[in-house]
C-alpha atoms as a PDB file:
ATOM      1  CA  MET A   1       0.000   0.000   0.000  1.00  0.00           C
ATOM      2  CA  ALA A   2       1.255   3.488  -0.810  1.00  0.00           C
ATOM      3  CA  SER A   3       2.129   5.820   2.019  1.00  0.00           C
ATOM      4  CA  VAL A   4       2.852   9.487   2.613  1.00  0.00           C
ATOM      5  CA  SER A   5       5.669  10.786   4.806  1.00  0.00           C
ATOM      6  CA  THR A   6       7.206  14.027   5.978  1.00  0.00           C
ATOM      7  CA  THR A   7      10.043  14.966   8.297  1.00  0.00           C
ATOM      8  CA  LEU A   8      10.059  17.799  10.821  1.00  0.00           C
ATOM      9  CA  THR A   9      13.446  19.065  12.008  1.00  0.00           C
ATOM     10  CA  ILE A  10      14.129  21.355  14.951  1.00  0.00           C
ATOM     11  CA  ASN A  11      17.598  22.611  15.860  1.00  0.00           C
ATOM     12  CA  GLY A  12      18.696  23.681  19.314  1.00  0.00           C
ATOM     13  CA  SER A  13      20.661  22.910  22.421  1.00  0.00           C
ATOM     14  CA  LYS A  14      20.701  19.400  23.850  1.00  0.00           C
ATOM     15  CA  SER A  15      18.455  20.380  26.752  1.00  0.00           C
ATOM     16  CA  HIS A  16      15.991  22.107  24.399  1.00  0.00           C
ATOM     17  CA  VAL A  17      15.564  19.214  21.969  1.00  0.00           C
ATOM     18  CA  ASP A  18      15.509  16.733  24.884  1.00  0.00           C
ATOM     19  CA  ALA A  19      12.588  18.651  26.403  1.00  0.00           C
ATOM     20  CA  LEU A  20      10.754  18.720  23.073  1.00  0.00           C
ATOM     21  CA  LEU A  21      11.243  14.985  22.568  1.00  0.00           C
ATOM     22  CA  ALA A  22      10.096  14.221  26.107  1.00  0.00           C
ATOM     23  CA  GLY A  23       6.988  16.324  25.562  1.00  0.00           C
ATOM     24  CA  ILE A  24       5.886  14.580  22.378  1.00  0.00           C
ATOM     25  CA  SER A  25       6.869  11.039  23.352  1.00  0.00           C
ATOM     26  CA  ALA A  26       3.675  10.592  25.338  1.00  0.00           C
ATOM     27  CA  ASP A  27       1.513  11.776  22.421  1.00  0.00           C
ATOM     28  CA  ASP A  28       0.848   8.873  20.032  1.00  0.00           C
ATOM     29  CA  PRO A  29       4.221   7.206  19.461  1.00  0.00           C
ATOM     30  CA  ASP A  30       2.836   4.758  16.894  1.00  0.00           C
ATOM     31  CA  THR A  31       2.193   7.602  14.446  1.00  0.00           C
ATOM     32  CA  PHE A  32       5.750   8.966  14.256  1.00  0.00           C
ATOM     33  CA  GLU A  33       9.417   8.220  14.924  1.00  0.00           C
ATOM     34  CA  ALA A  34      11.603  10.804  16.640  1.00  0.00           C
ATOM     35  CA  LYS A  35      15.312  10.906  17.353  1.00  0.00           C
ATOM     36  CA  ILE A  36      17.974  13.399  18.335  1.00  0.00           C
ATOM     37  CA  ILE A  37      20.975  13.828  16.059  1.00  0.00           C
ATOM     38  CA  GLU A  38      24.170  15.625  17.037  1.00  0.00           C
ATOM     39  CA  ASN A  39      25.712  17.693  14.249  1.00  0.00           C
ATOM     40  CA  GLU A  40      28.324  20.437  13.874  1.00  0.00           C
ATOM     41  CA  ASP A  41      25.758  23.132  14.749  1.00  0.00           C
ATOM     42  CA  GLY A  42      24.514  21.463  17.927  1.00  0.00           C
ATOM     43  CA  PHE A  43      21.573  19.116  18.140  1.00  0.00           C
ATOM     44  CA  GLN A  44      18.593  18.379  15.930  1.00  0.00           C
ATOM     45  CA  LEU A  45      15.285  16.712  16.717  1.00  0.00           C
ATOM     46  CA  ARG A  46      14.051  14.781  13.672  1.00  0.00           C
ATOM     47  CA  ILE A  47      10.467  13.612  13.587  1.00  0.00           C
ATOM     48  CA  LEU A  48       9.372  11.281  10.779  1.00  0.00           C
ATOM     49  CA  VAL A  49       5.627  11.041  10.240  1.00  0.00           C
ATOM     50  CA  VAL A  50       4.310   8.269   7.983  1.00  0.00           C
ATOM     51  CA  GLY A  51       0.668   7.584   7.181  1.00  0.00           C
ATOM     52  CA  GLU A  52      -1.602   5.889   4.710  1.00  0.00           C
ATOM     53  CA  ASN A  53      -2.759   9.170   3.179  1.00  0.00           C
ATOM     54  CA  LEU A  54      -2.095  12.898   3.216  1.00  0.00           C
ATOM     55  CA  THR A  55      -4.960  13.638   5.596  1.00  0.00           C
ATOM     56  CA  THR A  56      -3.609  11.261   8.235  1.00  0.00           C
ATOM     57  CA  VAL A  57      -0.108  12.719   7.987  1.00  0.00           C
ATOM     58  CA  ARG A  58      -1.421  16.288   8.074  1.00  0.00           C
ATOM     59  CA  ASN A  59      -3.496  15.594  11.186  1.00  0.00           C
ATOM     60  CA  THR A  60      -0.521  14.028  12.950  1.00  0.00           C
ATOM     61  CA  VAL A  61       1.743  16.938  11.972  1.00  0.00           C
ATOM     62  CA  ASP A  62      -0.892  19.425  13.172  1.00  0.00           C
ATOM     63  CA  ASP A  63      -1.076  17.638  16.540  1.00  0.00           C
ATOM     64  CA  LEU A  64       2.710  17.528  16.852  1.00  0.00           C
ATOM     65  CA  LEU A  65       3.092  21.222  15.968  1.00  0.00           C
ATOM     66  CA  ALA A  66       0.474  22.206  18.541  1.00  0.00           C
ATOM     67  CA  CYS A  67       2.237  20.140  21.194  1.00  0.00           C
ATOM     68  CA  LEU A  68       5.684  21.438  20.228  1.00  0.00           C
ATOM     69  CA  GLY A  69       4.370  25.010  20.258  1.00  0.00           C
ATOM     70  CA  ALA A  70       3.038  24.579  23.792  1.00  0.00           C
ATOM     71  CA  ILE A  71       6.344  23.104  24.947  1.00  0.00           C
ATOM     72  CA  GLU A  72       8.281  25.960  23.301  1.00  0.00           C
ATOM     73  CA  SER A  73       6.073  28.534  25.050  1.00  0.00           C
ATOM     74  CA  THR A  74       6.678  26.858  28.388  1.00  0.00           C
ATOM     75  CA  LEU A  75      10.431  26.658  27.825  1.00  0.00           C
ATOM     76  CA  ASN A  76      10.561  30.327  26.786  1.00  0.00           C
ATOM     77  CA  SER A  77       8.643  31.412  29.881  1.00  0.00           C
ATOM     78  CA  LEU A  78      11.115  29.545  32.101  1.00  0.00           C
ATOM     79  CA  GLU A  79      14.148  31.310  30.612  1.00  0.00           C
END
């Protein structure tokens, strides 16, 4: 069966991307894969979303972005 996929990438410090990953891990882990990559610029959170159709992937991405946005707001208010 054909599938649709997209990758979200977020760059930041180790503590920042760790907090983002921790915040989304409880969401619906069967709908995406997430990992932290270390590169020359610091750290990157990569989130791969795969679904049966575009609507499914879009809904998952929308949920993830809402969750990530809330986490970012919380992190910014703590700084």
